[in-house]
Amino acid sequence: MAAEWGGKVADASRVFKPSGSGPFPVALILHGCGGKTPFLETYARVAVEAGWAAVVVDSFAPRGISPLRAKLTVCTGTVLHGLKRSADIFAMLAWLEDQPWADAERVFLAGWSHGGWSIMDGYAVGANAARATGIIDADPLKLRTRVKGALLVYPYAAYPSLTSSLGWTGALDDATGPKVFSVIGGKDQVVGWKYPQLALERLRRDGVTVDTLFYPDATHAFDDDRANDPRARYRPDLFARTQDYFAQALVVTSAG
């Protein structure tokens, strides 16, 4: 069940909240294939400053996936594709319903790399969410009505990602999804820039509102000062700019 799995994921995750009792809108932050890393907590604090609670979601610890195993298996596409991991999103939406500090009707999803893939596949799978994720009560309508915005930072969008081929309509009438904010690096040698752009163009054609921030000189994981991939180059200037972009996205989402 969604709430049961959501509780297990939440126990491994970290919650950040503004002062006061709430309820607060909630940003769910999904890490990349290397696992939950400290730089994501900076983004969580950006959310708190904008008046949102934030949960840095750990998708690996509840599954017994160590950081080393994640790099050897998840990052190579051997286990836990984005579609399967999107179970965590449906589960956390259910878990939020029982949290008195959370406004479960106002959620923002933010995903980096593999986390972005998970968000996109959660929408693309549409009415088949329960079968595809293994969460028998996964509700795709909640994903579309409660989530008000999504940030995709250098998302993986090549095969077997579903967005470019299916879009986000997912046989759910004309429900297309939330407003999308995206960040893409022109020198990303991990996920590239062409596949993410193709996926985002598909969303635009389908009627999803998409805003894109393109950094011509950015590599993959440009905002992670502890990235151990030799193809990554840390850019504190772009990290700061992306934090501002995230904050603006939350403000726009709140106003909308």
C-alpha atoms as a PDB file:
ATOM      1  CA  MET A   1       0.000   0.000   0.000  1.00  0.00           C
ATOM      2  CA  ALA A   2       1.124   3.526  -0.771  1.00  0.00           C
ATOM      3  CA  ALA A   3       0.982   4.893   2.789  1.00  0.00           C
ATOM      4  CA  GLU A   4       2.885   1.908   4.203  1.00  0.00           C
ATOM      5  CA  TRP A   5       5.727   2.226   1.702  1.00  0.00           C
ATOM      6  CA  GLY A   6       5.638   6.002   2.120  1.00  0.00           C
ATOM      7  CA  GLY A   7       6.265   5.592   5.843  1.00  0.00           C
ATOM      8  CA  LYS A   8       9.309   3.415   5.195  1.00  0.00           C
ATOM      9  CA  VAL A   9      10.717   5.892   2.690  1.00  0.00           C
ATOM     10  CA  ALA A  10       9.996   8.812   5.004  1.00  0.00           C
ATOM     11  CA  ASP A  11      11.827   7.114   7.890  1.00  0.00           C
ATOM     12  CA  ALA A  12      14.998   7.120   5.770  1.00  0.00           C
ATOM     13  CA  SER A  13      14.469  10.652   4.486  1.00  0.00           C
ATOM     14  CA  ARG A  14      15.011  14.070   6.056  1.00  0.00           C
ATOM     15  CA  VAL A  15      12.283  16.631   6.614  1.00  0.00           C
ATOM     16  CA  PHE A  16      12.890  20.385   6.685  1.00  0.00           C
ATOM     17  CA  LYS A  17      10.141  22.723   7.886  1.00  0.00           C
ATOM     18  CA  PRO A  18       9.627  26.469   8.360  1.00  0.00           C
ATOM     19  CA  SER A  19       8.920  27.691  11.853  1.00  0.00           C
ATOM     20  CA  GLY A  20       5.341  27.326  13.000  1.00  0.00           C
ATOM     21  CA  SER A  21       2.836  24.510  12.932  1.00  0.00           C
ATOM     22  CA  GLY A  22       1.759  24.710   9.297  1.00  0.00           C
ATOM     23  CA  PRO A  23       0.278  23.160   7.326  1.00  0.00           C
ATOM     24  CA  PHE A  24       2.958  23.972   4.768  1.00  0.00           C
ATOM     25  CA  PRO A  25       3.100  23.175   1.073  1.00  0.00           C
ATOM     26  CA  VAL A  26       5.718  20.479   0.535  1.00  0.00           C
ATOM     27  CA  ALA A  27       8.594  20.065  -1.891  1.00  0.00           C
ATOM     28  CA  LEU A  28       9.678  16.467  -2.417  1.00  0.00           C
ATOM     29  CA  ILE A  29      13.341  16.369  -3.468  1.00  0.00           C
ATOM     30  CA  LEU A  30      14.506  13.261  -5.346  1.00  0.00           C
ATOM     31  CA  HIS A  31      18.220  12.469  -5.554  1.00  0.00           C
ATOM     32  CA  GLY A  32      20.198  11.149  -8.508  1.00  0.00           C
ATOM     33  CA  CYS A  33      21.490   7.623  -9.070  1.00  0.00           C
ATOM     34  CA  GLY A  34      24.337   8.105  -6.605  1.00  0.00           C
ATOM     35  CA  GLY A  35      21.978   8.538  -3.692  1.00  0.00           C
ATOM     36  CA  LYS A  36      21.064  11.231  -1.178  1.00  0.00           C
ATOM     37  CA  THR A  37      23.932  13.742  -1.098  1.00  0.00           C
ATOM     38  CA  PRO A  38      24.476  16.869   1.029  1.00  0.00           C
ATOM     39  CA  PHE A  39      24.019  19.475  -1.723  1.00  0.00           C
ATOM     40  CA  LEU A  40      20.334  18.595  -1.952  1.00  0.00           C
ATOM     41  CA  GLU A  41      19.856  19.802   1.602  1.00  0.00           C
ATOM     42  CA  THR A  42      20.847  23.259   0.390  1.00  0.00           C
ATOM     43  CA  TYR A  43      17.921  23.148  -2.006  1.00  0.00           C
ATOM     44  CA  ALA A  44      15.700  21.994   0.858  1.00  0.00           C
ATOM     45  CA  ARG A  45      16.690  25.085   2.827  1.00  0.00           C
ATOM     46  CA  VAL A  46      15.854  27.226  -0.205  1.00  0.00           C
ATOM     47  CA  ALA A  47      12.373  25.744  -0.083  1.00  0.00           C
ATOM     48  CA  VAL A  48      12.056  26.502   3.629  1.00  0.00           C
ATOM     49  CA  GLU A  49      13.049  30.128   3.022  1.00  0.00           C
ATOM     50  CA  ALA A  50      10.273  30.290   0.436  1.00  0.00           C
ATOM     51  CA  GLY A  51       7.745  29.080   3.024  1.00  0.00           C
ATOM     52  CA  TRP A  52       7.664  25.442   1.957  1.00  0.00           C
ATOM     53  CA  ALA A  53       8.476  22.302   3.895  1.00  0.00           C
ATOM     54  CA  ALA A  54      10.871  20.000   2.072  1.00  0.00           C
ATOM     55  CA  VAL A  55      11.605  16.289   2.206  1.00  0.00           C
ATOM     56  CA  VAL A  56      14.909  15.037   0.834  1.00  0.00           C
ATOM     57  CA  VAL A  57      13.641  11.606  -0.152  1.00  0.00           C
ATOM     58  CA  ASP A  58      15.968   8.614   0.242  1.00  0.00           C
ATOM     59  CA  SER A  59      14.942   5.970  -2.282  1.00  0.00           C
ATOM     60  CA  PHE A  60      17.874   3.648  -1.616  1.00  0.00           C
ATOM     61  CA  ALA A  61      18.087   2.970   2.123  1.00  0.00           C
ATOM     62  CA  PRO A  62      14.573   1.421   2.319  1.00  0.00           C
ATOM     63  CA  ARG A  63      15.589  -0.914  -0.519  1.00  0.00           C
ATOM     64  CA  GLY A  64      18.898  -1.865   1.079  1.00  0.00           C
ATOM     65  CA  ILE A  65      20.895  -0.203  -1.690  1.00  0.00           C
ATOM     66  CA  SER A  66      24.255   1.085  -0.441  1.00  0.00           C
ATOM     67  CA  PRO A  67      26.038   4.047  -2.085  1.00  0.00           C
ATOM     68  CA  LEU A  68      28.525   1.678  -3.715  1.00  0.00           C
ATOM     69  CA  ARG A  69      25.805  -0.632  -4.982  1.00  0.00           C
ATOM     70  CA  ALA A  70      23.898   2.354  -6.303  1.00  0.00           C
ATOM     71  CA  LYS A  71      26.858   3.484  -8.394  1.00  0.00           C
ATOM     72  CA  LEU A  72      27.437  -0.038  -9.714  1.00  0.00           C
ATOM     73  CA  THR A  73      23.824  -0.914 -10.451  1.00  0.00           C
ATOM     74  CA  VAL A  74      21.396   2.013 -10.435  1.00  0.00           C
ATOM     75  CA  CYS A  75      23.760   4.358 -12.280  1.00  0.00           C
ATOM     76  CA  THR A  76      24.409   1.698 -14.905  1.00  0.00           C
ATOM     77  CA  GLY A  77      20.713   0.992 -15.414  1.00  0.00           C
ATOM     78  CA  THR A  78      20.876  -2.541 -14.053  1.00  0.00           C
ATOM     79  CA  VAL A  79      18.289  -2.045 -11.296  1.00  0.00           C
ATOM     80  CA  LEU A  80      15.609   0.442 -10.234  1.00  0.00           C
ATOM     81  CA  HIS A  81      14.668   2.259 -13.409  1.00  0.00           C
ATOM     82  CA  GLY A  82      12.872   5.557 -13.062  1.00  0.00           C
ATOM     83  CA  LEU A  83       9.458   4.003 -13.638  1.00  0.00           C
ATOM     84  CA  LYS A  84       9.850   1.590 -10.743  1.00  0.00           C
ATOM     85  CA  ARG A  85      11.255   4.292  -8.491  1.00  0.00           C
ATOM     86  CA  SER A  86       8.274   6.541  -9.201  1.00  0.00           C
ATOM     87  CA  ALA A  87       6.521   4.327  -6.657  1.00  0.00           C
ATOM     88  CA  ASP A  88       8.161   6.517  -4.028  1.00  0.00           C
ATOM     89  CA  ILE A  89       6.343   9.579  -5.330  1.00  0.00           C
ATOM     90  CA  PHE A  90       2.912   7.961  -5.107  1.00  0.00           C
ATOM     91  CA  ALA A  91       3.835   6.616  -1.673  1.00  0.00           C
ATOM     92  CA  MET A  92       5.023   9.950  -0.329  1.00  0.00           C
ATOM     93  CA  LEU A  93       1.883  11.677  -1.569  1.00  0.00           C
ATOM     94  CA  ALA A  94      -0.120   9.184   0.509  1.00  0.00           C
ATOM     95  CA  TRP A  95       2.194   9.581   3.516  1.00  0.00           C
ATOM     96  CA  LEU A  96       1.786  13.355   3.462  1.00  0.00           C
ATOM     97  CA  GLU A  97      -1.957  12.971   3.993  1.00  0.00           C
ATOM     98  CA  ASP A  98      -1.295  11.891   7.595  1.00  0.00           C
ATOM     99  CA  GLN A  99       1.245  14.605   8.447  1.00  0.00           C
ATOM    100  CA  PRO A 100      -0.407  17.518  10.311  1.00  0.00           C
ATOM    101  CA  TRP A 101       2.363  19.923   9.270  1.00  0.00           C
ATOM    102  CA  ALA A 102       1.866  19.168   5.554  1.00  0.00           C
ATOM    103  CA  ASP A 103      -0.594  20.596   3.064  1.00  0.00           C
ATOM    104  CA  ALA A 104      -0.969  17.407   1.030  1.00  0.00           C
ATOM    105  CA  GLU A 105      -2.916  19.265  -1.650  1.00  0.00           C
ATOM    106  CA  ARG A 106       0.022  21.538  -2.523  1.00  0.00           C
ATOM    107  CA  VAL A 107       3.109  19.589  -3.517  1.00  0.00           C
ATOM    108  CA  PHE A 108       6.129  20.400  -5.666  1.00  0.00           C
ATOM    109  CA  LEU A 109       8.379  17.687  -7.104  1.00  0.00           C
ATOM    110  CA  ALA A 110      12.073  18.335  -7.709  1.00  0.00           C
ATOM    111  CA  GLY A 111      14.338  15.685  -9.212  1.00  0.00           C
ATOM    112  CA  TRP A 112      17.989  15.532 -10.159  1.00  0.00           C
ATOM    113  CA  SER A 113      19.107  13.159 -12.947  1.00  0.00           C
ATOM    114  CA  HIS A 114      17.616   9.760 -11.998  1.00  0.00           C
ATOM    115  CA  GLY A 115      15.178  11.604  -9.742  1.00  0.00           C
ATOM    116  CA  GLY A 116      13.993  13.650 -12.711  1.00  0.00           C
ATOM    117  CA  TRP A 117      13.541  10.433 -14.703  1.00  0.00           C
ATOM    118  CA  SER A 118      11.419   9.040 -11.867  1.00  0.00           C
ATOM    119  CA  ILE A 119       9.178  12.100 -11.860  1.00  0.00           C
ATOM    120  CA  MET A 120       8.739  12.042 -15.626  1.00  0.00           C
ATOM    121  CA  ASP A 121       7.933   8.326 -15.774  1.00  0.00           C
ATOM    122  CA  GLY A 122       5.443   8.707 -12.935  1.00  0.00           C
ATOM    123  CA  TYR A 123       3.458  11.034 -15.164  1.00  0.00           C
ATOM    124  CA  ALA A 124       4.063   9.199 -18.421  1.00  0.00           C
ATOM    125  CA  VAL A 125       2.806   5.844 -17.119  1.00  0.00           C
ATOM    126  CA  GLY A 126      -0.597   7.392 -16.444  1.00  0.00           C
ATOM    127  CA  ALA A 127      -3.412   4.986 -15.663  1.00  0.00           C
ATOM    128  CA  ASN A 128      -0.990   2.053 -15.503  1.00  0.00           C
ATOM    129  CA  ALA A 129       0.763   3.421 -12.405  1.00  0.00           C
ATOM    130  CA  ALA A 130      -0.344   0.679 -10.011  1.00  0.00           C
ATOM    131  CA  ARG A 131       0.784  -2.179 -12.228  1.00  0.00           C
ATOM    132  CA  ALA A 132       4.052  -0.521 -13.245  1.00  0.00           C
ATOM    133  CA  THR A 133       5.161   0.585  -9.766  1.00  0.00           C
ATOM    134  CA  GLY A 134       3.889  -2.275  -7.638  1.00  0.00           C
ATOM    135  CA  ILE A 135       1.944   0.185  -5.456  1.00  0.00           C
ATOM    136  CA  ILE A 136      -1.545  -1.264  -5.740  1.00  0.00           C
ATOM    137  CA  ASP A 137      -3.275   1.968  -4.751  1.00  0.00           C
ATOM    138  CA  ALA A 138      -1.004   4.338  -6.704  1.00  0.00           C
ATOM    139  CA  ASP A 139      -3.352   7.094  -7.815  1.00  0.00           C
ATOM    140  CA  PRO A 140      -2.295   8.962 -10.976  1.00  0.00           C
ATOM    141  CA  LEU A 141      -5.052  11.521 -10.476  1.00  0.00           C
ATOM    142  CA  LYS A 142      -3.525  12.584  -7.156  1.00  0.00           C
ATOM    143  CA  LEU A 143      -0.219  13.063  -8.944  1.00  0.00           C
ATOM    144  CA  ARG A 144      -1.894  15.429 -11.377  1.00  0.00           C
ATOM    145  CA  THR A 145      -4.140  17.337  -8.980  1.00  0.00           C
ATOM    146  CA  ARG A 146      -1.948  17.700  -5.903  1.00  0.00           C
ATOM    147  CA  VAL A 147       1.393  18.396  -7.539  1.00  0.00           C
ATOM    148  CA  LYS A 148       1.454  22.018  -8.620  1.00  0.00           C
ATOM    149  CA  GLY A 149       4.946  22.215 -10.118  1.00  0.00           C
ATOM    150  CA  ALA A 150       8.018  20.157 -10.973  1.00  0.00           C
ATOM    151  CA  LEU A 151      11.713  20.965 -11.294  1.00  0.00           C
ATOM    152  CA  LEU A 152      13.793  18.640 -13.500  1.00  0.00           C
ATOM    153  CA  VAL A 153      17.540  19.181 -13.160  1.00  0.00           C
ATOM    154  CA  TYR A 154      19.636  17.426 -15.832  1.00  0.00           C
ATOM    155  CA  PRO A 155      17.003  14.654 -16.010  1.00  0.00           C
ATOM    156  CA  TYR A 156      17.741  11.322 -17.644  1.00  0.00           C
ATOM    157  CA  ALA A 157      15.407  11.128 -20.661  1.00  0.00           C
ATOM    158  CA  ALA A 158      16.909   8.538 -23.034  1.00  0.00           C
ATOM    159  CA  TYR A 159      15.663   4.944 -23.377  1.00  0.00           C
ATOM    160  CA  PRO A 160      13.892   3.475 -21.433  1.00  0.00           C
ATOM    161  CA  SER A 161      12.501   6.789 -20.184  1.00  0.00           C
ATOM    162  CA  LEU A 162       8.897   7.131 -21.341  1.00  0.00           C
ATOM    163  CA  THR A 163       8.205  10.849 -21.730  1.00  0.00           C
ATOM    164  CA  SER A 164       9.466  11.387 -25.267  1.00  0.00           C
ATOM    165  CA  SER A 165       7.375   8.521 -26.605  1.00  0.00           C
ATOM    166  CA  LEU A 166       4.259   8.758 -24.442  1.00  0.00           C
ATOM    167  CA  GLY A 167       4.088  12.304 -23.166  1.00  0.00           C
ATOM    168  CA  TRP A 168       2.164  12.861 -19.945  1.00  0.00           C
ATOM    169  CA  THR A 169      -1.442  12.468 -21.091  1.00  0.00           C
ATOM    170  CA  GLY A 170      -1.354   8.809 -20.042  1.00  0.00           C
ATOM    171  CA  ALA A 171      -4.914   7.944 -21.099  1.00  0.00           C
ATOM    172  CA  LEU A 172      -6.273  10.245 -18.394  1.00  0.00           C
ATOM    173  CA  ASP A 173      -8.431  12.435 -20.600  1.00  0.00           C
ATOM    174  CA  ASP A 174      -6.755  15.819 -21.048  1.00  0.00           C
ATOM    175  CA  ALA A 175      -4.848  15.891 -17.747  1.00  0.00           C
ATOM    176  CA  THR A 176      -1.301  16.779 -18.717  1.00  0.00           C
ATOM    177  CA  GLY A 177       0.553  17.577 -15.518  1.00  0.00           C
ATOM    178  CA  PRO A 178       1.966  20.505 -13.545  1.00  0.00           C
ATOM    179  CA  LYS A 179       4.016  23.423 -14.758  1.00  0.00           C
ATOM    180  CA  VAL A 180       7.548  22.217 -15.414  1.00  0.00           C
ATOM    181  CA  PHE A 181      10.790  24.029 -14.696  1.00  0.00           C
ATOM    182  CA  SER A 182      13.956  22.459 -16.076  1.00  0.00           C
ATOM    183  CA  VAL A 183      17.731  22.878 -16.004  1.00  0.00           C
ATOM    184  CA  ILE A 184      19.936  21.410 -18.728  1.00  0.00           C
ATOM    185  CA  GLY A 185      23.709  21.505 -19.218  1.00  0.00           C
ATOM    186  CA  GLY A 186      25.241  21.897 -22.658  1.00  0.00           C
ATOM    187  CA  LYS A 187      28.324  19.886 -21.712  1.00  0.00           C
ATOM    188  CA  ASP A 188      26.537  17.106 -19.862  1.00  0.00           C
ATOM    189  CA  GLN A 189      28.274  13.877 -20.858  1.00  0.00           C
ATOM    190  CA  VAL A 190      26.081  11.686 -18.642  1.00  0.00           C
ATOM    191  CA  VAL A 191      22.512  12.371 -19.774  1.00  0.00           C
ATOM    192  CA  GLY A 192      23.343  14.811 -22.567  1.00  0.00           C
ATOM    193  CA  TRP A 193      21.167  17.729 -23.516  1.00  0.00           C
ATOM    194  CA  LYS A 194      19.422  16.453 -26.644  1.00  0.00           C
ATOM    195  CA  TYR A 195      17.318  13.758 -24.975  1.00  0.00           C
ATOM    196  CA  PRO A 196      16.083  16.043 -22.195  1.00  0.00           C
ATOM    197  CA  GLN A 197      15.251  18.685 -24.775  1.00  0.00           C
ATOM    198  CA  LEU A 198      13.305  16.157 -26.855  1.00  0.00           C
ATOM    199  CA  ALA A 199      11.305  15.111 -23.806  1.00  0.00           C
ATOM    200  CA  LEU A 200      10.543  18.698 -22.874  1.00  0.00           C
ATOM    201  CA  GLU A 201       9.522  19.502 -26.437  1.00  0.00           C
ATOM    202  CA  ARG A 202       7.108  16.576 -26.333  1.00  0.00           C
ATOM    203  CA  LEU A 203       5.555  18.028 -23.182  1.00  0.00           C
ATOM    204  CA  ARG A 204       5.197  21.433 -24.803  1.00  0.00           C
ATOM    205  CA  ARG A 205       3.455  19.877 -27.811  1.00  0.00           C
ATOM    206  CA  ASP A 206       1.078  18.137 -25.428  1.00  0.00           C
ATOM    207  CA  GLY A 207       0.165  21.378 -23.713  1.00  0.00           C
ATOM    208  CA  VAL A 208       2.353  21.257 -20.602  1.00  0.00           C
ATOM    209  CA  THR A 209       3.824  24.615 -19.609  1.00  0.00           C
ATOM    210  CA  VAL A 210       7.610  24.209 -19.658  1.00  0.00           C
ATOM    211  CA  ASP A 211      10.311  26.690 -18.690  1.00  0.00           C
ATOM    212  CA  THR A 212      13.936  25.797 -19.406  1.00  0.00           C
ATOM    213  CA  LEU A 213      17.176  27.185 -18.010  1.00  0.00           C
ATOM    214  CA  PHE A 214      20.015  26.131 -20.324  1.00  0.00           C
ATOM    215  CA  TYR A 215      23.645  26.408 -19.211  1.00  0.00           C
ATOM    216  CA  PRO A 216      25.870  26.017 -22.295  1.00  0.00           C
ATOM    217  CA  ASP A 217      29.018  25.227 -20.271  1.00  0.00           C
ATOM    218  CA  ALA A 218      27.510  23.108 -17.495  1.00  0.00           C
ATOM    219  CA  THR A 219      28.352  19.447 -16.997  1.00  0.00           C
ATOM    220  CA  HIS A 220      26.279  16.851 -15.230  1.00  0.00           C
ATOM    221  CA  ALA A 221      26.159  17.397 -11.444  1.00  0.00           C
ATOM    222  CA  PHE A 222      27.506  20.934 -11.789  1.00  0.00           C
ATOM    223  CA  ASP A 223      25.840  21.800  -8.470  1.00  0.00           C
ATOM    224  CA  ASP A 224      27.304  18.907  -6.458  1.00  0.00           C
ATOM    225  CA  ASP A 225      30.633  19.832  -4.864  1.00  0.00           C
ATOM    226  CA  ARG A 226      31.159  16.182  -3.893  1.00  0.00           C
ATOM    227  CA  ALA A 227      30.414  14.576  -7.242  1.00  0.00           C
ATOM    228  CA  ASN A 228      32.986  11.876  -7.906  1.00  0.00           C
ATOM    229  CA  ASP A 229      32.260  11.430 -11.607  1.00  0.00           C
ATOM    230  CA  PRO A 230      35.325  12.673 -13.509  1.00  0.00           C
ATOM    231  CA  ARG A 231      33.020  14.187 -16.127  1.00  0.00           C
ATOM    232  CA  ALA A 232      31.458  16.553 -13.562  1.00  0.00           C
ATOM    233  CA  ARG A 233      32.740  20.073 -12.965  1.00  0.00           C
ATOM    234  CA  TYR A 234      31.430  21.888  -9.923  1.00  0.00           C
ATOM    235  CA  ARG A 235      30.163  25.396 -10.712  1.00  0.00           C
ATOM    236  CA  PRO A 236      29.272  27.327  -7.557  1.00  0.00           C
ATOM    237  CA  ASP A 237      27.997  30.215  -9.670  1.00  0.00           C
ATOM    238  CA  LEU A 238      25.522  27.985 -11.473  1.00  0.00           C
ATOM    239  CA  PHE A 239      24.639  26.269  -8.207  1.00  0.00           C
ATOM    240  CA  ALA A 240      23.648  29.657  -6.771  1.00  0.00           C
ATOM    241  CA  ARG A 241      21.730  30.531  -9.913  1.00  0.00           C
ATOM    242  CA  THR A 242      19.829  27.249  -9.811  1.00  0.00           C
ATOM    243  CA  GLN A 243      18.911  27.821  -6.178  1.00  0.00           C
ATOM    244  CA  ASP A 244      17.395  31.151  -7.209  1.00  0.00           C
ATOM    245  CA  TYR A 245      15.574  29.443 -10.063  1.00  0.00           C
ATOM    246  CA  PHE A 246      14.140  26.866  -7.658  1.00  0.00           C
ATOM    247  CA  ALA A 247      13.006  29.616  -5.288  1.00  0.00           C
ATOM    248  CA  GLN A 248      11.333  31.484  -8.138  1.00  0.00           C
ATOM    249  CA  ALA A 249       9.617  28.288  -9.275  1.00  0.00           C
ATOM    250  CA  LEU A 250       8.182  27.791  -5.792  1.00  0.00           C
ATOM    251  CA  VAL A 251       6.954  31.380  -5.686  1.00  0.00           C
ATOM    252  CA  VAL A 252       5.308  31.057  -9.101  1.00  0.00           C
ATOM    253  CA  THR A 253       3.752  27.761  -8.059  1.00  0.00           C
ATOM    254  CA  SER A 254       2.382  29.267  -4.839  1.00  0.00           C
ATOM    255  CA  ALA A 255       0.883  32.179  -6.750  1.00  0.00           C
ATOM    256  CA  GLY A 256      -0.670  29.919  -9.361  1.00  0.00           C
END
